[in-house]
Amino acid sequence: MSDSAQQAKAQKKAYDEACKRVLSERGIMAHILKACTEEFKDCSLQDIARRYIQGKPSISRIAVEPEAISPRIESEQTEDKSKTEGTVYYDIRFHAAAPVDGKRIQLIINLEAQNDFNPGYPLLKRAVYYCGRMISSQYGTVFVKSHYEKIQKIYSIWICTMPTKKWEYNISRYRLTEEHLMGHAQAERSHYDLINIVLVCLGSKSYKQLKGILRLLNMLLLDNISSQEKQELLAKEFNVTMTPHLEKGVAAMCNLSEGIEKRGEKRGWDLGKQEDVLEMLKDGVPFEKIAQYTKLSLQVIADIAKQNKLI
C-alpha cells in the first residue's frame, strides 16, 4: 500500500478512536440512553449521567488478559474470549442501573460507532452476534451454575454515520417479543425481554434541520463546524458538562476531520490517483469511505473498479 493510503488509514483510525472517546462521556451516553432505551426514557439526563451509569466505560481494545478475568463477577471487559467463539471487541461497553417498578435492574450497554453501513454482510446479524456474546459471557461473571435468573438485560446500540439514503434519520429497535400460536398464557416480560438492538442512523443534513438525539449526534459526529461551536452547543443546548476529557476528544475529532478535508482538496491525500484508489479497493475499503477520503464521486470509484474487474 502506498504511503498516502497508509496515512489515510492511520488518520481514519485516529478519528474513530476520538469518536469513541467522545461517545463514552457520561453526558453523551445519558442522551443516548434516554432516547434509545425504554428504561431511561422518563429519567432526567442528570440522573442518568450521575446516578444510573455505573463505573467507567470500557473503550475498545482495552485488553483484559485471561488470567485477570477469573474470578470475573461484576468485572467489565471489552474483550470476550472463548476457545470456540474467538475474540470480539466492543467499541464502548458499560453498566447501568435502571429504575424499574421501584427497584433497580442491571443493564449491560454496548455502543458501536459504525461508519460502514454495508460492510459485506448484514449489519444487524453482526449486532445479533454481539448480543449473543454479551449474554453468553455473563456465565462466570454475572451468574454461575444454573442461576439463569441472574442474567442481565443487554442493549447493543449502533450509531451509523453513513447509512444508505433510505435509512437516513431512522431509529429502529429490534427485540424479543411474545407471540401466541395457541392459547393466551403470558410469560413475565422480564424473563425474555433481555436482548435489544437499536440502530441510530444519521445522514447528510445539517444538525439545524434535526431534533433530539439525531440533532445532537449529527452535530457532534458529522457537521462541519468548529470545535468551539460544538462545545458551546453541547453545554448550552444539550446541557452536557464539558469535562477536559470531552473537550480534548471534540477538539481531536475536529482537527482530524479538518485534516481529512484539507487533504481531500489536495487530490484526496493523493488518493485520487488511480493506483491509490485501486489499492484501497483491493484492501476492501468501501466505496463510501474512498469517496469520503478522496472527494471522488461514487460513480468515478465504481468506474475504476469496473475497469480493473474488481466488481
C-alpha atoms as a PDB file:
ATOM      1  CA  MET A   1       0.000   0.000   0.000  1.00  0.00           C
ATOM      2  CA  SER A   2       1.282   3.494  -0.819  1.00  0.00           C
ATOM      3  CA  ASP A   3       2.340   5.917   1.910  1.00  0.00           C
ATOM      4  CA  SER A   4      -0.673   8.101   1.197  1.00  0.00           C
ATOM      5  CA  ALA A   5      -3.074   5.196   1.607  1.00  0.00           C
ATOM      6  CA  GLN A   6      -1.391   4.175   4.854  1.00  0.00           C
ATOM      7  CA  GLN A   7      -1.619   7.744   6.071  1.00  0.00           C
ATOM      8  CA  ALA A   8      -5.309   7.796   5.210  1.00  0.00           C
ATOM      9  CA  LYS A   9      -5.918   4.636   7.207  1.00  0.00           C
ATOM     10  CA  ALA A  10      -3.909   5.886  10.181  1.00  0.00           C
ATOM     11  CA  GLN A  11      -5.765   9.183  10.300  1.00  0.00           C
ATOM     12  CA  LYS A  12      -9.110   7.424   9.927  1.00  0.00           C
ATOM     13  CA  LYS A  13      -8.220   5.130  12.826  1.00  0.00           C
ATOM     14  CA  ALA A  14      -7.266   8.128  14.981  1.00  0.00           C
ATOM     15  CA  TYR A  15     -10.563   9.817  14.093  1.00  0.00           C
ATOM     16  CA  ASP A  16     -12.545   6.691  15.023  1.00  0.00           C
ATOM     17  CA  GLU A  17     -10.776   6.475  18.382  1.00  0.00           C
ATOM     18  CA  ALA A  18     -11.560  10.134  19.081  1.00  0.00           C
ATOM     19  CA  CYS A  19     -15.239   9.482  18.271  1.00  0.00           C
ATOM     20  CA  LYS A  20     -15.335   6.611  20.744  1.00  0.00           C
ATOM     21  CA  ARG A  21     -13.765   8.750  23.467  1.00  0.00           C
ATOM     22  CA  VAL A  22     -16.411  11.423  22.913  1.00  0.00           C
ATOM     23  CA  LEU A  23     -19.302   8.948  22.853  1.00  0.00           C
ATOM     24  CA  SER A  24     -18.051   7.366  26.083  1.00  0.00           C
ATOM     25  CA  GLU A  25     -18.613  10.594  28.040  1.00  0.00           C
ATOM     26  CA  ARG A  26     -21.387  10.238  30.623  1.00  0.00           C
ATOM     27  CA  GLY A  27     -23.217  13.336  29.373  1.00  0.00           C
ATOM     28  CA  ILE A  28     -23.336  11.964  25.819  1.00  0.00           C
ATOM     29  CA  MET A  29     -24.227   8.432  26.927  1.00  0.00           C
ATOM     30  CA  ALA A  30     -27.075   9.852  29.024  1.00  0.00           C
ATOM     31  CA  HIS A  31     -28.661  11.416  25.922  1.00  0.00           C
ATOM     32  CA  ILE A  32     -28.304   8.143  24.019  1.00  0.00           C
ATOM     33  CA  LEU A  33     -29.823   6.060  26.820  1.00  0.00           C
ATOM     34  CA  LYS A  34     -32.759   8.432  27.265  1.00  0.00           C
ATOM     35  CA  ALA A  35     -33.561   8.349  23.536  1.00  0.00           C
ATOM     36  CA  CYS A  36     -32.885   4.672  22.835  1.00  0.00           C
ATOM     37  CA  THR A  37     -33.912   2.684  25.909  1.00  0.00           C
ATOM     38  CA  GLU A  38     -37.303   2.086  27.443  1.00  0.00           C
ATOM     39  CA  GLU A  39     -35.919   2.077  30.976  1.00  0.00           C
ATOM     40  CA  PHE A  40     -34.496   5.602  30.878  1.00  0.00           C
ATOM     41  CA  LYS A  41     -36.991   7.482  28.710  1.00  0.00           C
ATOM     42  CA  ASP A  42     -38.639   9.174  31.715  1.00  0.00           C
ATOM     43  CA  CYS A  43     -35.434   9.849  33.657  1.00  0.00           C
ATOM     44  CA  SER A  44     -33.653  13.179  33.738  1.00  0.00           C
ATOM     45  CA  LEU A  45     -30.362  13.427  31.877  1.00  0.00           C
ATOM     46  CA  GLN A  46     -28.663  14.464  35.094  1.00  0.00           C
ATOM     47  CA  ASP A  47     -29.900  11.367  36.937  1.00  0.00           C
ATOM     48  CA  ILE A  48     -28.859   9.060  34.116  1.00  0.00           C
ATOM     49  CA  ALA A  49     -25.367  10.544  33.975  1.00  0.00           C
ATOM     50  CA  ARG A  50     -24.760  10.818  37.704  1.00  0.00           C
ATOM     51  CA  ARG A  51     -26.864   8.093  39.334  1.00  0.00           C
ATOM     52  CA  TYR A  52     -27.592   5.328  36.864  1.00  0.00           C
ATOM     53  CA  ILE A  53     -24.497   4.921  34.667  1.00  0.00           C
ATOM     54  CA  GLN A  54     -22.105   2.834  36.718  1.00  0.00           C
ATOM     55  CA  GLY A  55     -18.340   2.919  36.763  1.00  0.00           C
ATOM     56  CA  LYS A  56     -16.079   3.904  33.916  1.00  0.00           C
ATOM     57  CA  PRO A  57     -16.997   2.737  30.414  1.00  0.00           C
ATOM     58  CA  SER A  58     -14.580   0.413  28.674  1.00  0.00           C
ATOM     59  CA  ILE A  59     -13.420   1.518  25.233  1.00  0.00           C
ATOM     60  CA  SER A  60     -12.423  -0.980  22.554  1.00  0.00           C
ATOM     61  CA  ARG A  61      -9.016  -2.618  22.511  1.00  0.00           C
ATOM     62  CA  ILE A  62      -8.516  -2.258  26.223  1.00  0.00           C
ATOM     63  CA  ALA A  63      -7.184  -5.798  26.606  1.00  0.00           C
ATOM     64  CA  VAL A  64      -8.137  -7.947  29.589  1.00  0.00           C
ATOM     65  CA  GLU A  65      -5.769 -10.886  29.956  1.00  0.00           C
ATOM     66  CA  PRO A  66      -7.474 -14.232  30.609  1.00  0.00           C
ATOM     67  CA  GLU A  67      -5.514 -14.600  33.853  1.00  0.00           C
ATOM     68  CA  ALA A  68      -7.050 -11.357  35.129  1.00  0.00           C
ATOM     69  CA  ILE A  69     -10.595 -12.367  34.321  1.00  0.00           C
ATOM     70  CA  SER A  70     -11.104 -15.103  36.958  1.00  0.00           C
ATOM     71  CA  PRO A  71     -12.971 -14.558  39.153  1.00  0.00           C
ATOM     72  CA  ARG A  72     -14.884 -12.105  36.943  1.00  0.00           C
ATOM     73  CA  ILE A  73     -18.064 -11.480  38.951  1.00  0.00           C
ATOM     74  CA  GLU A  74     -19.184  -7.931  38.146  1.00  0.00           C
ATOM     75  CA  SER A  75     -15.955  -7.254  36.222  1.00  0.00           C
ATOM     76  CA  GLU A  76     -16.079  -5.299  32.958  1.00  0.00           C
ATOM     77  CA  GLN A  77     -14.142  -6.097  29.830  1.00  0.00           C
ATOM     78  CA  THR A  78     -14.148  -5.078  26.208  1.00  0.00           C
ATOM     79  CA  GLU A  79     -12.858  -8.446  25.050  1.00  0.00           C
ATOM     80  CA  ASP A  80     -14.826 -11.679  25.237  1.00  0.00           C
ATOM     81  CA  LYS A  81     -12.709 -14.776  24.814  1.00  0.00           C
ATOM     82  CA  SER A  82     -13.657 -18.407  24.402  1.00  0.00           C
ATOM     83  CA  LYS A  83     -11.800 -21.230  22.749  1.00  0.00           C
ATOM     84  CA  THR A  84     -14.647 -21.878  20.342  1.00  0.00           C
ATOM     85  CA  GLU A  85     -16.001 -18.415  19.644  1.00  0.00           C
ATOM     86  CA  GLY A  86     -12.809 -16.394  19.141  1.00  0.00           C
ATOM     87  CA  THR A  87     -12.419 -12.802  20.236  1.00  0.00           C
ATOM     88  CA  VAL A  88     -14.861  -9.918  19.996  1.00  0.00           C
ATOM     89  CA  TYR A  89     -14.029  -6.282  20.710  1.00  0.00           C
ATOM     90  CA  TYR A  90     -16.712  -3.792  21.666  1.00  0.00           C
ATOM     91  CA  ASP A  91     -16.362  -0.091  20.869  1.00  0.00           C
ATOM     92  CA  ILE A  92     -17.844   1.007  24.200  1.00  0.00           C
ATOM     93  CA  ARG A  93     -19.320  -1.148  26.933  1.00  0.00           C
ATOM     94  CA  PHE A  94     -20.618  -0.181  30.359  1.00  0.00           C
ATOM     95  CA  HIS A  95     -23.124  -0.998  33.099  1.00  0.00           C
ATOM     96  CA  ALA A  96     -26.199   0.965  34.114  1.00  0.00           C
ATOM     97  CA  ALA A  97     -28.753   0.513  36.894  1.00  0.00           C
ATOM     98  CA  ALA A  98     -32.232   1.257  35.559  1.00  0.00           C
ATOM     99  CA  PRO A  99     -35.141   2.285  37.817  1.00  0.00           C
ATOM    100  CA  VAL A 100     -37.976  -0.143  37.039  1.00  0.00           C
ATOM    101  CA  ASP A 101     -41.089  -0.618  39.218  1.00  0.00           C
ATOM    102  CA  GLY A 102     -39.498   0.910  42.292  1.00  0.00           C
ATOM    103  CA  LYS A 103     -36.298  -1.099  42.091  1.00  0.00           C
ATOM    104  CA  ARG A 104     -33.132  -1.039  40.027  1.00  0.00           C
ATOM    105  CA  ILE A 105     -32.280  -3.609  37.403  1.00  0.00           C
ATOM    106  CA  GLN A 106     -28.820  -4.079  35.992  1.00  0.00           C
ATOM    107  CA  LEU A 107     -28.235  -3.459  32.289  1.00  0.00           C
ATOM    108  CA  ILE A 108     -25.185  -4.030  30.124  1.00  0.00           C
ATOM    109  CA  ILE A 109     -24.879  -1.452  27.355  1.00  0.00           C
ATOM    110  CA  ASN A 110     -22.794  -1.673  24.190  1.00  0.00           C
ATOM    111  CA  LEU A 111     -22.346   1.385  21.942  1.00  0.00           C
ATOM    112  CA  GLU A 112     -20.938   0.972  18.450  1.00  0.00           C
ATOM    113  CA  ALA A 113     -19.885   3.834  16.178  1.00  0.00           C
ATOM    114  CA  GLN A 114     -20.349   2.412  12.687  1.00  0.00           C
ATOM    115  CA  ASN A 115     -19.282   4.216   9.525  1.00  0.00           C
ATOM    116  CA  ASP A 116     -19.704   1.382   7.041  1.00  0.00           C
ATOM    117  CA  PHE A 117     -23.393   0.533   6.693  1.00  0.00           C
ATOM    118  CA  ASN A 118     -22.766  -2.197   4.083  1.00  0.00           C
ATOM    119  CA  PRO A 119     -19.609  -3.998   5.216  1.00  0.00           C
ATOM    120  CA  GLY A 120     -20.241  -7.072   3.076  1.00  0.00           C
ATOM    121  CA  TYR A 121     -22.674  -8.738   5.486  1.00  0.00           C
ATOM    122  CA  PRO A 122     -25.956  -7.656   7.127  1.00  0.00           C
ATOM    123  CA  LEU A 123     -25.046  -5.249   9.913  1.00  0.00           C
ATOM    124  CA  LEU A 124     -27.970  -6.479  12.006  1.00  0.00           C
ATOM    125  CA  LYS A 125     -26.545 -10.008  12.020  1.00  0.00           C
ATOM    126  CA  ARG A 126     -23.323  -8.653  13.485  1.00  0.00           C
ATOM    127  CA  ALA A 127     -25.379  -6.836  16.116  1.00  0.00           C
ATOM    128  CA  VAL A 128     -27.205 -10.091  16.934  1.00  0.00           C
ATOM    129  CA  TYR A 129     -23.849 -11.841  17.309  1.00  0.00           C
ATOM    130  CA  TYR A 130     -22.621  -9.125  19.675  1.00  0.00           C
ATOM    131  CA  CYS A 131     -25.778  -9.550  21.747  1.00  0.00           C
ATOM    132  CA  GLY A 132     -25.343 -13.307  21.866  1.00  0.00           C
ATOM    133  CA  ARG A 133     -21.798 -12.903  23.157  1.00  0.00           C
ATOM    134  CA  MET A 134     -22.887 -10.339  25.741  1.00  0.00           C
ATOM    135  CA  ILE A 135     -25.442 -12.832  27.064  1.00  0.00           C
ATOM    136  CA  SER A 136     -23.197 -15.922  26.982  1.00  0.00           C
ATOM    137  CA  SER A 137     -20.234 -14.095  28.534  1.00  0.00           C
ATOM    138  CA  GLN A 138     -22.301 -13.450  31.665  1.00  0.00           C
ATOM    139  CA  TYR A 139     -21.749 -17.074  32.644  1.00  0.00           C
ATOM    140  CA  GLY A 140     -18.998 -16.980  35.242  1.00  0.00           C
ATOM    141  CA  THR A 141     -19.189 -13.202  35.552  1.00  0.00           C
ATOM    142  CA  VAL A 142     -22.805 -12.476  36.486  1.00  0.00           C
ATOM    143  CA  PHE A 143     -24.079 -15.979  37.279  1.00  0.00           C
ATOM    144  CA  VAL A 144     -22.744 -19.478  37.806  1.00  0.00           C
ATOM    145  CA  LYS A 145     -24.134 -22.988  37.507  1.00  0.00           C
ATOM    146  CA  SER A 146     -27.861 -22.854  36.647  1.00  0.00           C
ATOM    147  CA  HIS A 147     -28.710 -19.442  38.122  1.00  0.00           C
ATOM    148  CA  TYR A 148     -30.104 -18.120  34.838  1.00  0.00           C
ATOM    149  CA  GLU A 149     -32.451 -15.824  36.756  1.00  0.00           C
ATOM    150  CA  LYS A 150     -29.450 -13.528  37.234  1.00  0.00           C
ATOM    151  CA  ILE A 151     -28.919 -12.901  33.519  1.00  0.00           C
ATOM    152  CA  GLN A 152     -28.852  -9.158  32.886  1.00  0.00           C
ATOM    153  CA  LYS A 153     -30.641  -7.396  30.042  1.00  0.00           C
ATOM    154  CA  ILE A 154     -28.378  -6.057  27.319  1.00  0.00           C
ATOM    155  CA  TYR A 155     -28.578  -3.273  24.764  1.00  0.00           C
ATOM    156  CA  SER A 156     -26.429  -3.004  21.662  1.00  0.00           C
ATOM    157  CA  ILE A 157     -26.835   0.500  20.199  1.00  0.00           C
ATOM    158  CA  TRP A 158     -25.326   1.184  16.780  1.00  0.00           C
ATOM    159  CA  ILE A 159     -24.741   4.770  15.676  1.00  0.00           C
ATOM    160  CA  CYS A 160     -24.465   4.631  11.895  1.00  0.00           C
ATOM    161  CA  THR A 161     -22.923   7.763  10.404  1.00  0.00           C
ATOM    162  CA  MET A 162     -23.069   6.795   6.723  1.00  0.00           C
ATOM    163  CA  PRO A 163     -26.241   4.763   6.101  1.00  0.00           C
ATOM    164  CA  THR A 164     -27.863   4.355   2.717  1.00  0.00           C
ATOM    165  CA  LYS A 165     -30.324   7.065   1.710  1.00  0.00           C
ATOM    166  CA  LYS A 166     -33.460   5.159   2.696  1.00  0.00           C
ATOM    167  CA  TRP A 167     -32.082   4.567   6.197  1.00  0.00           C
ATOM    168  CA  GLU A 168     -31.071   8.163   6.887  1.00  0.00           C
ATOM    169  CA  TYR A 169     -32.553   9.545  10.115  1.00  0.00           C
ATOM    170  CA  ASN A 170     -34.199   6.310  11.193  1.00  0.00           C
ATOM    171  CA  ILE A 171     -34.048   4.965  14.722  1.00  0.00           C
ATOM    172  CA  SER A 172     -35.101   1.310  14.796  1.00  0.00           C
ATOM    173  CA  ARG A 173     -35.287  -1.177  17.663  1.00  0.00           C
ATOM    174  CA  TYR A 174     -35.171  -4.986  17.487  1.00  0.00           C
ATOM    175  CA  ARG A 175     -36.036  -7.163  20.498  1.00  0.00           C
ATOM    176  CA  LEU A 176     -37.603 -10.420  21.659  1.00  0.00           C
ATOM    177  CA  THR A 177     -41.388 -10.386  21.931  1.00  0.00           C
ATOM    178  CA  GLU A 178     -44.033 -12.925  22.901  1.00  0.00           C
ATOM    179  CA  GLU A 179     -46.321 -14.331  20.206  1.00  0.00           C
ATOM    180  CA  HIS A 180     -49.169 -16.729  20.933  1.00  0.00           C
ATOM    181  CA  LEU A 181     -49.528 -19.520  18.393  1.00  0.00           C
ATOM    182  CA  MET A 182     -52.206 -21.162  20.544  1.00  0.00           C
ATOM    183  CA  GLY A 183     -53.664 -20.150  23.884  1.00  0.00           C
ATOM    184  CA  HIS A 184     -53.252 -16.927  25.834  1.00  0.00           C
ATOM    185  CA  ALA A 185     -50.893 -17.686  28.731  1.00  0.00           C
ATOM    186  CA  GLN A 186     -48.450 -14.829  29.220  1.00  0.00           C
ATOM    187  CA  ALA A 187     -44.892 -15.080  30.485  1.00  0.00           C
ATOM    188  CA  GLU A 188     -43.399 -12.357  32.619  1.00  0.00           C
ATOM    189  CA  ARG A 189     -41.791  -9.972  30.180  1.00  0.00           C
ATOM    190  CA  SER A 190     -38.604  -9.586  32.203  1.00  0.00           C
ATOM    191  CA  HIS A 191     -37.932 -13.306  31.684  1.00  0.00           C
ATOM    192  CA  TYR A 192     -37.462 -12.974  27.919  1.00  0.00           C
ATOM    193  CA  ASP A 193     -37.030  -9.259  27.171  1.00  0.00           C
ATOM    194  CA  LEU A 194     -33.259  -9.475  27.547  1.00  0.00           C
ATOM    195  CA  ILE A 195     -31.882  -8.524  24.133  1.00  0.00           C
ATOM    196  CA  ASN A 196     -32.321  -5.156  22.426  1.00  0.00           C
ATOM    197  CA  ILE A 197     -30.626  -3.838  19.295  1.00  0.00           C
ATOM    198  CA  VAL A 198     -31.049  -0.194  18.329  1.00  0.00           C
ATOM    199  CA  LEU A 199     -29.905   1.331  15.028  1.00  0.00           C
ATOM    200  CA  VAL A 200     -29.498   5.105  15.084  1.00  0.00           C
ATOM    201  CA  CYS A 201     -28.928   6.276  11.519  1.00  0.00           C
ATOM    202  CA  LEU A 202     -27.605   9.748  10.786  1.00  0.00           C
ATOM    203  CA  GLY A 203     -27.159  11.337   7.374  1.00  0.00           C
ATOM    204  CA  SER A 204     -26.244  14.292   5.207  1.00  0.00           C
ATOM    205  CA  LYS A 205     -28.475  17.028   6.663  1.00  0.00           C
ATOM    206  CA  SER A 206     -27.284  19.891   8.832  1.00  0.00           C
ATOM    207  CA  TYR A 207     -27.949  19.429  12.530  1.00  0.00           C
ATOM    208  CA  LYS A 208     -30.034  22.612  12.341  1.00  0.00           C
ATOM    209  CA  GLN A 209     -32.687  20.651  10.424  1.00  0.00           C
ATOM    210  CA  LEU A 210     -32.946  17.961  13.102  1.00  0.00           C
ATOM    211  CA  LYS A 211     -34.259  17.454  16.621  1.00  0.00           C
ATOM    212  CA  GLY A 212     -33.419  15.409  19.693  1.00  0.00           C
ATOM    213  CA  ILE A 213     -30.751  12.728  19.664  1.00  0.00           C
ATOM    214  CA  LEU A 214     -30.362  12.947  15.867  1.00  0.00           C
ATOM    215  CA  ARG A 215     -29.601  16.662  16.183  1.00  0.00           C
ATOM    216  CA  LEU A 216     -27.030  16.030  18.918  1.00  0.00           C
ATOM    217  CA  LEU A 217     -25.214  13.144  17.213  1.00  0.00           C
ATOM    218  CA  ASN A 218     -25.286  14.708  13.750  1.00  0.00           C
ATOM    219  CA  MET A 219     -23.784  17.926  15.132  1.00  0.00           C
ATOM    220  CA  LEU A 220     -21.193  16.055  17.174  1.00  0.00           C
ATOM    221  CA  LEU A 221     -20.066  13.482  14.617  1.00  0.00           C
ATOM    222  CA  LEU A 222     -20.817  14.886  11.169  1.00  0.00           C
ATOM    223  CA  ASP A 223     -21.420  18.639  10.972  1.00  0.00           C
ATOM    224  CA  ASN A 224     -18.509  20.709   9.702  1.00  0.00           C
ATOM    225  CA  ILE A 225     -18.380  23.317  12.470  1.00  0.00           C
ATOM    226  CA  SER A 226     -15.541  24.320  14.767  1.00  0.00           C
ATOM    227  CA  SER A 227     -14.613  22.577  17.982  1.00  0.00           C
ATOM    228  CA  GLN A 228     -15.537  25.711  19.910  1.00  0.00           C
ATOM    229  CA  GLU A 229     -19.019  25.795  18.326  1.00  0.00           C
ATOM    230  CA  LYS A 230     -19.586  22.139  19.162  1.00  0.00           C
ATOM    231  CA  GLN A 231     -18.516  22.620  22.746  1.00  0.00           C
ATOM    232  CA  GLU A 232     -20.815  25.635  23.151  1.00  0.00           C
ATOM    233  CA  LEU A 233     -23.768  23.720  21.684  1.00  0.00           C
ATOM    234  CA  LEU A 234     -23.117  20.733  23.930  1.00  0.00           C
ATOM    235  CA  ALA A 235     -23.017  22.920  27.018  1.00  0.00           C
ATOM    236  CA  LYS A 236     -25.802  25.397  26.249  1.00  0.00           C
ATOM    237  CA  GLU A 237     -28.327  23.457  24.185  1.00  0.00           C
ATOM    238  CA  PHE A 238     -27.783  19.896  25.383  1.00  0.00           C
ATOM    239  CA  ASN A 239     -26.703  20.617  28.980  1.00  0.00           C
ATOM    240  CA  VAL A 240     -23.645  18.387  28.687  1.00  0.00           C
ATOM    241  CA  THR A 241     -20.911  19.094  31.219  1.00  0.00           C
ATOM    242  CA  MET A 242     -17.743  19.907  29.311  1.00  0.00           C
ATOM    243  CA  THR A 243     -15.068  17.849  31.043  1.00  0.00           C
ATOM    244  CA  PRO A 244     -11.408  18.155  29.980  1.00  0.00           C
ATOM    245  CA  HIS A 245     -11.704  14.657  28.508  1.00  0.00           C
ATOM    246  CA  LEU A 246     -14.681  15.670  26.361  1.00  0.00           C
ATOM    247  CA  GLU A 247     -13.103  18.960  25.278  1.00  0.00           C
ATOM    248  CA  LYS A 248      -9.975  17.102  24.192  1.00  0.00           C
ATOM    249  CA  GLY A 249     -11.984  14.485  22.314  1.00  0.00           C
ATOM    250  CA  VAL A 250     -14.109  17.035  20.435  1.00  0.00           C
ATOM    251  CA  ALA A 251     -11.005  19.047  19.519  1.00  0.00           C
ATOM    252  CA  ALA A 252      -9.244  15.911  18.250  1.00  0.00           C
ATOM    253  CA  MET A 253     -12.262  14.930  16.132  1.00  0.00           C
ATOM    254  CA  CYS A 254     -12.477  18.380  14.572  1.00  0.00           C
ATOM    255  CA  ASN A 255      -8.742  18.595  13.885  1.00  0.00           C
ATOM    256  CA  LEU A 256      -8.633  15.165  12.300  1.00  0.00           C
ATOM    257  CA  SER A 257     -11.756  15.886  10.262  1.00  0.00           C
ATOM    258  CA  GLU A 258     -10.253  19.164   9.068  1.00  0.00           C
ATOM    259  CA  GLY A 259      -7.101  17.327   8.075  1.00  0.00           C
ATOM    260  CA  ILE A 260      -9.137  14.843   6.070  1.00  0.00           C
ATOM    261  CA  GLU A 261     -10.927  17.647   4.226  1.00  0.00           C
ATOM    262  CA  LYS A 262      -7.757  19.628   3.500  1.00  0.00           C
ATOM    263  CA  ARG A 263      -6.004  16.575   2.180  1.00  0.00           C
ATOM    264  CA  GLY A 264      -9.103  15.789   0.181  1.00  0.00           C
ATOM    265  CA  GLU A 265      -8.860  19.173  -1.512  1.00  0.00           C
ATOM    266  CA  LYS A 266      -5.262  18.314  -2.374  1.00  0.00           C
ATOM    267  CA  ARG A 267      -6.414  15.399  -4.538  1.00  0.00           C
ATOM    268  CA  GLY A 268      -7.697  13.435  -1.593  1.00  0.00           C
ATOM    269  CA  TRP A 269      -4.369  12.780   0.135  1.00  0.00           C
ATOM    270  CA  ASP A 270      -3.176  11.982  -3.413  1.00  0.00           C
ATOM    271  CA  LEU A 271      -5.595   9.050  -3.303  1.00  0.00           C
ATOM    272  CA  GLY A 272      -7.279  10.499  -6.354  1.00  0.00           C
ATOM    273  CA  LYS A 273      -4.542   8.802  -8.291  1.00  0.00           C
ATOM    274  CA  GLN A 274      -5.925   5.650  -9.790  1.00  0.00           C
ATOM    275  CA  GLU A 275      -3.282   3.339  -8.330  1.00  0.00           C
ATOM    276  CA  ASP A 276      -4.054   4.502  -4.789  1.00  0.00           C
ATOM    277  CA  VAL A 277      -7.797   4.127  -5.281  1.00  0.00           C
ATOM    278  CA  LEU A 278      -7.095   0.638  -6.600  1.00  0.00           C
ATOM    279  CA  GLU A 279      -5.100  -0.248  -3.501  1.00  0.00           C
ATOM    280  CA  MET A 280      -7.951   0.829  -1.268  1.00  0.00           C
ATOM    281  CA  LEU A 281     -10.427  -1.159  -3.370  1.00  0.00           C
ATOM    282  CA  LYS A 282      -8.226  -4.254  -3.139  1.00  0.00           C
ATOM    283  CA  ASP A 283      -8.000  -3.767   0.621  1.00  0.00           C
ATOM    284  CA  GLY A 284     -11.768  -3.905   0.773  1.00  0.00           C
ATOM    285  CA  VAL A 285     -12.296  -0.272   1.739  1.00  0.00           C
ATOM    286  CA  PRO A 286     -15.975   0.553   0.999  1.00  0.00           C
ATOM    287  CA  PHE A 287     -16.804   2.925  -1.853  1.00  0.00           C
ATOM    288  CA  GLU A 288     -18.360   5.421   0.560  1.00  0.00           C
ATOM    289  CA  LYS A 289     -15.157   5.669   2.584  1.00  0.00           C
ATOM    290  CA  ILE A 290     -12.989   6.043  -0.508  1.00  0.00           C
ATOM    291  CA  ALA A 291     -15.309   8.815  -1.667  1.00  0.00           C
ATOM    292  CA  GLN A 292     -15.022  10.477   1.730  1.00  0.00           C
ATOM    293  CA  TYR A 293     -11.228  10.375   1.689  1.00  0.00           C
ATOM    294  CA  THR A 294     -10.661  11.241  -1.970  1.00  0.00           C
ATOM    295  CA  LYS A 295     -13.594  13.577  -2.677  1.00  0.00           C
ATOM    296  CA  LEU A 296     -14.212  11.492  -5.800  1.00  0.00           C
ATOM    297  CA  SER A 297     -17.760  10.588  -6.740  1.00  0.00           C
ATOM    298  CA  LEU A 298     -19.073   7.069  -6.166  1.00  0.00           C
ATOM    299  CA  GLN A 299     -19.519   6.749  -9.929  1.00  0.00           C
ATOM    300  CA  VAL A 300     -15.846   7.511 -10.615  1.00  0.00           C
ATOM    301  CA  ILE A 301     -14.775   4.977  -7.996  1.00  0.00           C
ATOM    302  CA  ALA A 302     -17.170   2.391  -9.454  1.00  0.00           C
ATOM    303  CA  ASP A 303     -15.762   3.037 -12.929  1.00  0.00           C
ATOM    304  CA  ILE A 304     -12.212   2.439 -11.682  1.00  0.00           C
ATOM    305  CA  ALA A 305     -13.345  -0.786 -10.011  1.00  0.00           C
ATOM    306  CA  LYS A 306     -15.109  -1.971 -13.187  1.00  0.00           C
ATOM    307  CA  GLN A 307     -12.124  -1.123 -15.387  1.00  0.00           C
ATOM    308  CA  ASN A 308      -9.964  -3.300 -13.183  1.00  0.00           C
ATOM    309  CA  LYS A 309     -12.544  -6.092 -12.902  1.00  0.00           C
ATOM    310  CA  LEU A 310     -12.982  -5.636  -9.167  1.00  0.00           C
ATOM    311  CA  ILE A 311     -16.780  -5.632  -9.386  1.00  0.00           C
END
